[in-house]
Amino acid sequence: MPHKLPTLPEPEIHHISPAEAVEHIQALLEAKQERVRQGPTWPGAVTTQPSPDTPDPHAPMPAAGGGLSSEAAFGHALAHERGDQSKRKG
């Protein structure tokens, strides 16, 4: 007969209220925002604040060619460069 191992008691689960959850999330968000305000902390990190004249590196780039997308501007030329690749041969 196999020897049965004793079972451990389940740890008691402590539930928090929705209001407590909101407080925790707000505290985490405030801590994150403070870290962002302080800037990067790794060695060699640049901690300068961007000036109003500096473009946002994360902002979307304006469309080139008077509003054409890159596919519209260059897609026609690329299709001709591919030549007969898409056609079946013999």
PDB file of N, CA and C in Angstrom:
ATOM      1  N   MET A   1       0.822  -1.169   0.000  1.00  0.00           N
ATOM      2  CA  MET A   1       0.000   0.000   0.000  1.00  0.00           C
ATOM      3  C   MET A   1       0.883   1.255   0.000  1.00  0.00           C
ATOM      4  N   PRO A   2       0.606   2.253  -0.932  1.00  0.00           N
ATOM      5  CA  PRO A   2       1.459   3.451  -0.976  1.00  0.00           C
ATOM      6  C   PRO A   2       1.249   4.311   0.268  1.00  0.00           C
ATOM      7  N   HIS A   3       2.339   4.923   0.669  1.00  0.00           N
ATOM      8  CA  HIS A   3       2.295   5.791   1.843  1.00  0.00           C
ATOM      9  C   HIS A   3       1.772   7.160   1.438  1.00  0.00           C
ATOM     10  N   LYS A   4       0.749   7.634   2.112  1.00  0.00           N
ATOM     11  CA  LYS A   4       0.135   8.916   1.789  1.00  0.00           C
ATOM     12  C   LYS A   4       0.808  10.035   2.568  1.00  0.00           C
ATOM     13  N   LEU A   5       1.208  11.105   1.826  1.00  0.00           N
ATOM     14  CA  LEU A   5       1.855  12.241   2.477  1.00  0.00           C
ATOM     15  C   LEU A   5       0.798  13.108   3.153  1.00  0.00           C
ATOM     16  N   PRO A   6       1.154  13.707   4.281  1.00  0.00           N
ATOM     17  CA  PRO A   6       0.190  14.581   4.944  1.00  0.00           C
ATOM     18  C   PRO A   6      -0.015  15.851   4.113  1.00  0.00           C
ATOM     19  N   THR A   7      -1.225  16.362   4.101  1.00  0.00           N
ATOM     20  CA  THR A   7      -1.516  17.577   3.347  1.00  0.00           C
ATOM     21  C   THR A   7      -1.294  18.794   4.241  1.00  0.00           C
ATOM     22  N   LEU A   8      -0.793  19.843   3.637  1.00  0.00           N
ATOM     23  CA  LEU A   8      -0.559  21.079   4.373  1.00  0.00           C
ATOM     24  C   LEU A   8      -1.847  21.878   4.389  1.00  0.00           C
ATOM     25  N   PRO A   9      -2.092  22.606   5.460  1.00  0.00           N
ATOM     26  CA  PRO A   9      -3.303  23.427   5.499  1.00  0.00           C
ATOM     27  C   PRO A   9      -3.186  24.566   4.468  1.00  0.00           C
ATOM     28  N   GLU A  10      -4.307  24.906   3.842  1.00  0.00           N
ATOM     29  CA  GLU A  10      -4.322  25.989   2.852  1.00  0.00           C
ATOM     30  C   GLU A  10      -4.125  27.315   3.584  1.00  0.00           C
ATOM     31  N   PRO A  11      -3.281  28.194   3.048  1.00  0.00           N
ATOM     32  CA  PRO A  11      -3.130  29.498   3.704  1.00  0.00           C
ATOM     33  C   PRO A  11      -4.428  30.305   3.565  1.00  0.00           C
ATOM     34  N   GLU A  12      -4.702  31.078   4.588  1.00  0.00           N
ATOM     35  CA  GLU A  12      -5.926  31.869   4.567  1.00  0.00           C
ATOM     36  C   GLU A  12      -5.778  33.004   3.554  1.00  0.00           C
ATOM     37  N   ILE A  13      -6.769  33.188   2.715  1.00  0.00           N
ATOM     38  CA  ILE A  13      -6.740  34.220   1.695  1.00  0.00           C
ATOM     39  C   ILE A  13      -7.384  35.476   2.262  1.00  0.00           C
ATOM     40  N   HIS A  14      -6.658  36.575   2.176  1.00  0.00           N
ATOM     41  CA  HIS A  14      -7.175  37.847   2.672  1.00  0.00           C
ATOM     42  C   HIS A  14      -7.629  38.668   1.471  1.00  0.00           C
ATOM     43  N   HIS A  15      -8.904  38.931   1.388  1.00  0.00           N
ATOM     44  CA  HIS A  15      -9.460  39.726   0.302  1.00  0.00           C
ATOM     45  C   HIS A  15      -9.498  41.190   0.720  1.00  0.00           C
ATOM     46  N   ILE A  16      -9.232  42.071  -0.251  1.00  0.00           N
ATOM     47  CA  ILE A  16      -9.332  43.499   0.042  1.00  0.00           C
ATOM     48  C   ILE A  16     -10.559  44.057  -0.666  1.00  0.00           C
ATOM     49  N   SER A  17     -11.009  45.184  -0.179  1.00  0.00           N
ATOM     50  CA  SER A  17     -12.198  45.806  -0.775  1.00  0.00           C
ATOM     51  C   SER A  17     -11.803  46.515  -2.068  1.00  0.00           C
ATOM     52  N   PRO A  18     -12.772  46.806  -2.932  1.00  0.00           N
ATOM     53  CA  PRO A  18     -12.462  47.571  -4.146  1.00  0.00           C
ATOM     54  C   PRO A  18     -11.826  48.926  -3.825  1.00  0.00           C
ATOM     55  N   ALA A  19     -12.250  49.562  -2.751  1.00  0.00           N
ATOM     56  CA  ALA A  19     -11.667  50.856  -2.375  1.00  0.00           C
ATOM     57  C   ALA A  19     -10.194  50.704  -2.005  1.00  0.00           C
ATOM     58  N   GLU A  20      -9.862  49.621  -1.285  1.00  0.00           N
ATOM     59  CA  GLU A  20      -8.457  49.374  -0.940  1.00  0.00           C
ATOM     60  C   GLU A  20      -7.641  49.087  -2.200  1.00  0.00           C
ATOM     61  N   ALA A  21      -8.220  48.378  -3.140  1.00  0.00           N
ATOM     62  CA  ALA A  21      -7.528  48.090  -4.391  1.00  0.00           C
ATOM     63  C   ALA A  21      -7.233  49.381  -5.146  1.00  0.00           C
ATOM     64  N   VAL A  22      -8.200  50.296  -5.179  1.00  0.00           N
ATOM     65  CA  VAL A  22      -8.001  51.584  -5.849  1.00  0.00           C
ATOM     66  C   VAL A  22      -6.880  52.357  -5.168  1.00  0.00           C
ATOM     67  N   GLU A  23      -6.865  52.360  -3.843  1.00  0.00           N
ATOM     68  CA  GLU A  23      -5.810  53.064  -3.103  1.00  0.00           C
ATOM     69  C   GLU A  23      -4.437  52.489  -3.443  1.00  0.00           C
ATOM     70  N   HIS A  24      -4.334  51.167  -3.503  1.00  0.00           N
ATOM     71  CA  HIS A  24      -3.052  50.526  -3.831  1.00  0.00           C
ATOM     72  C   HIS A  24      -2.604  50.896  -5.243  1.00  0.00           C
ATOM     73  N   ILE A  25      -3.544  50.863  -6.177  1.00  0.00           N
ATOM     74  CA  ILE A  25      -3.203  51.179  -7.564  1.00  0.00           C
ATOM     75  C   ILE A  25      -2.779  52.639  -7.688  1.00  0.00           C
ATOM     76  N   GLN A  26      -3.483  53.541  -7.005  1.00  0.00           N
ATOM     77  CA  GLN A  26      -3.115  54.955  -7.051  1.00  0.00           C
ATOM     78  C   GLN A  26      -1.731  55.183  -6.451  1.00  0.00           C
ATOM     79  N   ALA A  27      -1.421  54.488  -5.366  1.00  0.00           N
ATOM     80  CA  ALA A  27      -0.097  54.623  -4.750  1.00  0.00           C
ATOM     81  C   ALA A  27       0.988  54.121  -5.702  1.00  0.00           C
ATOM     82  N   LEU A  28       0.725  53.008  -6.382  1.00  0.00           N
ATOM     83  CA  LEU A  28       1.699  52.492  -7.347  1.00  0.00           C
ATOM     84  C   LEU A  28       1.889  53.462  -8.504  1.00  0.00           C
ATOM     85  N   LEU A  29       0.800  54.039  -8.994  1.00  0.00           N
ATOM     86  CA  LEU A  29       0.874  54.990 -10.096  1.00  0.00           C
ATOM     87  C   LEU A  29       1.652  56.237  -9.691  1.00  0.00           C
ATOM     88  N   GLU A  30       1.395  56.750  -8.493  1.00  0.00           N
ATOM     89  CA  GLU A  30       2.129  57.926  -8.020  1.00  0.00           C
ATOM     90  C   GLU A  30       3.619  57.622  -7.886  1.00  0.00           C
ATOM     91  N   ALA A  31       3.968  56.443  -7.384  1.00  0.00           N
ATOM     92  CA  ALA A  31       5.374  56.060  -7.260  1.00  0.00           C
ATOM     93  C   ALA A  31       6.026  55.972  -8.637  1.00  0.00           C
ATOM     94  N   LYS A  32       5.314  55.427  -9.612  1.00  0.00           N
ATOM     95  CA  LYS A  32       5.849  55.328 -10.976  1.00  0.00           C
ATOM     96  C   LYS A  32       6.055  56.719 -11.567  1.00  0.00           C
ATOM     97  N   GLN A  33       5.070  57.607 -11.382  1.00  0.00           N
ATOM     98  CA  GLN A  33       5.191  58.960 -11.920  1.00  0.00           C
ATOM     99  C   GLN A  33       6.370  59.700 -11.288  1.00  0.00           C
ATOM    100  N   GLU A  34       6.622  59.473 -10.016  1.00  0.00           N
ATOM    101  CA  GLU A  34       7.766  60.093  -9.350  1.00  0.00           C
ATOM    102  C   GLU A  34       9.075  59.566  -9.933  1.00  0.00           C
ATOM    103  N   ARG A  35       9.144  58.263 -10.204  1.00  0.00           N
ATOM    104  CA  ARG A  35      10.356  57.706 -10.826  1.00  0.00           C
ATOM    105  C   ARG A  35      10.574  58.308 -12.209  1.00  0.00           C
ATOM    106  N   VAL A  36       9.504  58.505 -12.958  1.00  0.00           N
ATOM    107  CA  VAL A  36       9.621  59.099 -14.297  1.00  0.00           C
ATOM    108  C   VAL A  36      10.113  60.541 -14.175  1.00  0.00           C
ATOM    109  N   ARG A  37       9.593  61.299 -13.201  1.00  0.00           N
ATOM    110  CA  ARG A  37      10.021  62.691 -13.006  1.00  0.00           C
ATOM    111  C   ARG A  37      11.505  62.761 -12.658  1.00  0.00           C
ATOM    112  N   GLN A  38      12.000  61.784 -11.899  1.00  0.00           N
ATOM    113  CA  GLN A  38      13.406  61.786 -11.492  1.00  0.00           C
ATOM    114  C   GLN A  38      14.333  61.434 -12.653  1.00  0.00           C
ATOM    115  N   GLY A  39      13.819  60.813 -13.666  1.00  0.00           N
ATOM    116  CA  GLY A  39      14.636  60.471 -14.821  1.00  0.00           C
ATOM    117  C   GLY A  39      15.313  59.130 -14.654  1.00  0.00           C
ATOM    118  N   PRO A  40      16.036  58.706 -15.703  1.00  0.00           N
ATOM    119  CA  PRO A  40      16.689  57.400 -15.664  1.00  0.00           C
ATOM    120  C   PRO A  40      17.822  57.376 -14.639  1.00  0.00           C
ATOM    121  N   THR A  41      18.078  56.210 -14.072  1.00  0.00           N
ATOM    122  CA  THR A  41      19.098  56.083 -13.024  1.00  0.00           C
ATOM    123  C   THR A  41      20.249  55.171 -13.410  1.00  0.00           C
ATOM    124  N   TRP A  42      20.228  54.593 -14.609  1.00  0.00           N
ATOM    125  CA  TRP A  42      21.306  53.694 -14.973  1.00  0.00           C
ATOM    126  C   TRP A  42      22.551  54.500 -15.337  1.00  0.00           C
ATOM    127  N   PRO A  43      23.731  53.897 -15.241  1.00  0.00           N
ATOM    128  CA  PRO A  43      24.973  54.626 -15.538  1.00  0.00           C
ATOM    129  C   PRO A  43      24.988  55.134 -16.979  1.00  0.00           C
ATOM    130  N   GLY A  44      25.394  56.392 -17.147  1.00  0.00           N
ATOM    131  CA  GLY A  44      25.500  56.970 -18.472  1.00  0.00           C
ATOM    132  C   GLY A  44      24.203  57.516 -19.020  1.00  0.00           C
ATOM    133  N   ALA A  45      23.133  57.463 -18.245  1.00  0.00           N
ATOM    134  CA  ALA A  45      21.834  57.945 -18.724  1.00  0.00           C
ATOM    135  C   ALA A  45      21.845  59.464 -18.777  1.00  0.00           C
ATOM    136  N   VAL A  46      21.218  60.002 -19.787  1.00  0.00           N
ATOM    137  CA  VAL A  46      21.097  61.447 -19.932  1.00  0.00           C
ATOM    138  C   VAL A  46      19.851  61.882 -19.167  1.00  0.00           C
ATOM    139  N   THR A  47      20.012  62.866 -18.290  1.00  0.00           N
ATOM    140  CA  THR A  47      18.889  63.291 -17.457  1.00  0.00           C
ATOM    141  C   THR A  47      18.399  64.684 -17.814  1.00  0.00           C
ATOM    142  N   THR A  48      18.655  65.145 -19.030  1.00  0.00           N
ATOM    143  CA  THR A  48      18.180  66.470 -19.410  1.00  0.00           C
ATOM    144  C   THR A  48      16.702  66.421 -19.741  1.00  0.00           C
ATOM    145  N   GLN A  49      16.019  67.505 -19.462  1.00  0.00           N
ATOM    146  CA  GLN A  49      14.607  67.611 -19.786  1.00  0.00           C
ATOM    147  C   GLN A  49      14.486  68.155 -21.199  1.00  0.00           C
ATOM    148  N   PRO A  50      13.588  67.623 -22.022  1.00  0.00           N
ATOM    149  CA  PRO A  50      13.439  68.133 -23.379  1.00  0.00           C
ATOM    150  C   PRO A  50      12.870  69.549 -23.367  1.00  0.00           C
ATOM    151  N   SER A  51      13.385  70.382 -24.276  1.00  0.00           N
ATOM    152  CA  SER A  51      12.871  71.750 -24.381  1.00  0.00           C
ATOM    153  C   SER A  51      11.610  71.748 -25.238  1.00  0.00           C
ATOM    154  N   PRO A  52      10.824  72.807 -25.171  1.00  0.00           N
ATOM    155  CA  PRO A  52       9.608  72.852 -25.994  1.00  0.00           C
ATOM    156  C   PRO A  52       9.915  72.793 -27.489  1.00  0.00           C
ATOM    157  N   ASP A  53      11.137  73.194 -27.892  1.00  0.00           N
ATOM    158  CA  ASP A  53      11.505  73.163 -29.305  1.00  0.00           C
ATOM    159  C   ASP A  53      11.944  71.783 -29.767  1.00  0.00           C
ATOM    160  N   THR A  54      12.231  70.878 -28.824  1.00  0.00           N
ATOM    161  CA  THR A  54      12.691  69.534 -29.171  1.00  0.00           C
ATOM    162  C   THR A  54      11.493  68.680 -29.549  1.00  0.00           C
ATOM    163  N   PRO A  55      11.518  68.067 -30.738  1.00  0.00           N
ATOM    164  CA  PRO A  55      10.381  67.211 -31.115  1.00  0.00           C
ATOM    165  C   PRO A  55      10.318  65.972 -30.228  1.00  0.00           C
ATOM    166  N   ASP A  56       9.118  65.516 -29.989  1.00  0.00           N
ATOM    167  CA  ASP A  56       8.899  64.312 -29.193  1.00  0.00           C
ATOM    168  C   ASP A  56       9.342  63.102 -30.007  1.00  0.00           C
ATOM    169  N   PRO A  57      10.324  62.308 -29.523  1.00  0.00           N
ATOM    170  CA  PRO A  57      10.787  61.161 -30.307  1.00  0.00           C
ATOM    171  C   PRO A  57       9.736  60.069 -30.441  1.00  0.00           C
ATOM    172  N   HIS A  58       8.694  60.117 -29.605  1.00  0.00           N
ATOM    173  CA  HIS A  58       7.656  59.093 -29.670  1.00  0.00           C
ATOM    174  C   HIS A  58       6.433  59.547 -30.460  1.00  0.00           C
ATOM    175  N   ALA A  59       6.456  60.784 -30.938  1.00  0.00           N
ATOM    176  CA  ALA A  59       5.313  61.291 -31.701  1.00  0.00           C
ATOM    177  C   ALA A  59       5.315  60.661 -33.088  1.00  0.00           C
ATOM    178  N   PRO A  60       4.149  60.423 -33.667  1.00  0.00           N
ATOM    179  CA  PRO A  60       4.112  59.849 -35.009  1.00  0.00           C
ATOM    180  C   PRO A  60       4.712  60.815 -36.022  1.00  0.00           C
ATOM    181  N   MET A  61       5.415  60.265 -36.984  1.00  0.00           N
ATOM    182  CA  MET A  61       6.043  61.075 -38.017  1.00  0.00           C
ATOM    183  C   MET A  61       4.988  61.543 -39.005  1.00  0.00           C
ATOM    184  N   PRO A  62       5.115  62.788 -39.493  1.00  0.00           N
ATOM    185  CA  PRO A  62       4.170  63.224 -40.519  1.00  0.00           C
ATOM    186  C   PRO A  62       4.398  62.430 -41.800  1.00  0.00           C
ATOM    187  N   ALA A  63       3.343  62.235 -42.547  1.00  0.00           N
ATOM    188  CA  ALA A  63       3.439  61.459 -43.776  1.00  0.00           C
ATOM    189  C   ALA A  63       4.288  62.211 -44.798  1.00  0.00           C
ATOM    190  N   ALA A  64       5.191  61.498 -45.467  1.00  0.00           N
ATOM    191  CA  ALA A  64       6.062  62.099 -46.462  1.00  0.00           C
ATOM    192  C   ALA A  64       5.329  62.210 -47.793  1.00  0.00           C
ATOM    193  N   GLY A  65       5.770  63.125 -48.633  1.00  0.00           N
ATOM    194  CA  GLY A  65       5.235  63.210 -49.986  1.00  0.00           C
ATOM    195  C   GLY A  65       3.844  63.810 -50.039  1.00  0.00           C
ATOM    196  N   GLY A  66       3.579  64.803 -49.196  1.00  0.00           N
ATOM    197  CA  GLY A  66       2.284  65.470 -49.272  1.00  0.00           C
ATOM    198  C   GLY A  66       1.127  64.609 -48.819  1.00  0.00           C
ATOM    199  N   GLY A  67       1.341  63.767 -47.807  1.00  0.00           N
ATOM    200  CA  GLY A  67       0.248  62.979 -47.276  1.00  0.00           C
ATOM    201  C   GLY A  67       0.214  61.545 -47.765  1.00  0.00           C
ATOM    202  N   LEU A  68       1.167  61.153 -48.600  1.00  0.00           N
ATOM    203  CA  LEU A  68       1.206  59.765 -49.072  1.00  0.00           C
ATOM    204  C   LEU A  68       1.882  58.891 -48.043  1.00  0.00           C
ATOM    205  N   SER A  69       1.421  57.677 -47.893  1.00  0.00           N
ATOM    206  CA  SER A  69       2.102  56.740 -47.015  1.00  0.00           C
ATOM    207  C   SER A  69       3.347  56.235 -47.727  1.00  0.00           C
ATOM    208  N   SER A  70       4.252  55.601 -46.986  1.00  0.00           N
ATOM    209  CA  SER A  70       5.461  55.079 -47.617  1.00  0.00           C
ATOM    210  C   SER A  70       5.128  54.007 -48.648  1.00  0.00           C
ATOM    211  N   GLU A  71       4.072  53.229 -48.382  1.00  0.00           N
ATOM    212  CA  GLU A  71       3.676  52.214 -49.352  1.00  0.00           C
ATOM    213  C   GLU A  71       3.176  52.864 -50.639  1.00  0.00           C
ATOM    214  N   ALA A  72       2.403  53.952 -50.499  1.00  0.00           N
ATOM    215  CA  ALA A  72       1.881  54.623 -51.681  1.00  0.00           C
ATOM    216  C   ALA A  72       2.996  55.329 -52.437  1.00  0.00           C
ATOM    217  N   ALA A  73       3.960  55.903 -51.713  1.00  0.00           N
ATOM    218  CA  ALA A  73       5.030  56.654 -52.350  1.00  0.00           C
ATOM    219  C   ALA A  73       6.028  55.735 -53.040  1.00  0.00           C
ATOM    220  N   PHE A  74       6.337  54.573 -52.446  1.00  0.00           N
ATOM    221  CA  PHE A  74       7.392  53.721 -52.969  1.00  0.00           C
ATOM    222  C   PHE A  74       6.905  52.373 -53.477  1.00  0.00           C
ATOM    223  N   GLY A  75       5.684  52.025 -53.201  1.00  0.00           N
ATOM    224  CA  GLY A  75       5.173  50.712 -53.592  1.00  0.00           C
ATOM    225  C   GLY A  75       5.195  50.484 -55.086  1.00  0.00           C
ATOM    226  N   HIS A  76       4.876  51.494 -55.874  1.00  0.00           N
ATOM    227  CA  HIS A  76       4.852  51.356 -57.326  1.00  0.00           C
ATOM    228  C   HIS A  76       6.251  51.031 -57.846  1.00  0.00           C
ATOM    229  N   ALA A  77       7.270  51.750 -57.349  1.00  0.00           N
ATOM    230  CA  ALA A  77       8.642  51.509 -57.799  1.00  0.00           C
ATOM    231  C   ALA A  77       9.096  50.119 -57.390  1.00  0.00           C
ATOM    232  N   LEU A  78       8.752  49.694 -56.186  1.00  0.00           N
ATOM    233  CA  LEU A  78       9.179  48.376 -55.722  1.00  0.00           C
ATOM    234  C   LEU A  78       8.534  47.264 -56.537  1.00  0.00           C
ATOM    235  N   ALA A  79       7.309  47.447 -56.939  1.00  0.00           N
ATOM    236  CA  ALA A  79       6.637  46.419 -57.732  1.00  0.00           C
ATOM    237  C   ALA A  79       7.356  46.219 -59.060  1.00  0.00           C
ATOM    238  N   HIS A  80       7.842  47.295 -59.676  1.00  0.00           N
ATOM    239  CA  HIS A  80       8.562  47.171 -60.939  1.00  0.00           C
ATOM    240  C   HIS A  80       9.926  46.523 -60.743  1.00  0.00           C
ATOM    241  N   GLU A  81      10.577  46.795 -59.599  1.00  0.00           N
ATOM    242  CA  GLU A  81      11.888  46.205 -59.343  1.00  0.00           C
ATOM    243  C   GLU A  81      11.792  44.696 -59.162  1.00  0.00           C
ATOM    244  N   ARG A  82      10.662  44.201 -58.678  1.00  0.00           N
ATOM    245  CA  ARG A  82      10.516  42.757 -58.476  1.00  0.00           C
ATOM    246  C   ARG A  82      10.398  42.026 -59.798  1.00  0.00           C
ATOM    247  N   GLY A  83       9.963  42.713 -60.811  1.00  0.00           N
ATOM    248  CA  GLY A  83       9.881  42.094 -62.116  1.00  0.00           C
ATOM    249  C   GLY A  83       8.878  40.973 -62.150  1.00  0.00           C
ATOM    250  N   ASP A  84       9.310  39.811 -62.671  1.00  0.00           N
ATOM    251  CA  ASP A  84       8.418  38.666 -62.880  1.00  0.00           C
ATOM    252  C   ASP A  84       8.456  37.666 -61.718  1.00  0.00           C
ATOM    253  N   GLN A  85       8.871  38.078 -60.535  1.00  0.00           N
ATOM    254  CA  GLN A  85       8.986  37.149 -59.419  1.00  0.00           C
ATOM    255  C   GLN A  85       7.664  36.455 -59.135  1.00  0.00           C
ATOM    256  N   SER A  86       6.582  37.189 -59.208  1.00  0.00           N
ATOM    257  CA  SER A  86       5.301  36.615 -58.821  1.00  0.00           C
ATOM    258  C   SER A  86       4.707  35.723 -59.894  1.00  0.00           C
ATOM    259  N   LYS A  87       5.246  35.774 -61.094  1.00  0.00           N
ATOM    260  CA  LYS A  87       4.699  34.955 -62.181  1.00  0.00           C
ATOM    261  C   LYS A  87       5.332  33.580 -62.153  1.00  0.00           C
ATOM    262  N   ARG A  88       4.530  32.574 -62.412  1.00  0.00           N
ATOM    263  CA  ARG A  88       5.053  31.209 -62.463  1.00  0.00           C
ATOM    264  C   ARG A  88       5.832  31.003 -63.741  1.00  0.00           C
ATOM    265  N   LYS A  89       6.901  30.299 -63.627  1.00  0.00           N
ATOM    266  CA  LYS A  89       7.715  30.023 -64.805  1.00  0.00           C
ATOM    267  C   LYS A  89       7.509  28.568 -65.214  1.00  0.00           C
ATOM    268  N   GLY A  90       7.244  28.425 -66.504  1.00  0.00           N
ATOM    269  CA  GLY A  90       7.145  27.179 -67.184  1.00  0.00           C
ATOM    270  C   GLY A  90       6.526  26.066 -66.551  1.00  0.00           C
TER     271      GLY A  90
END
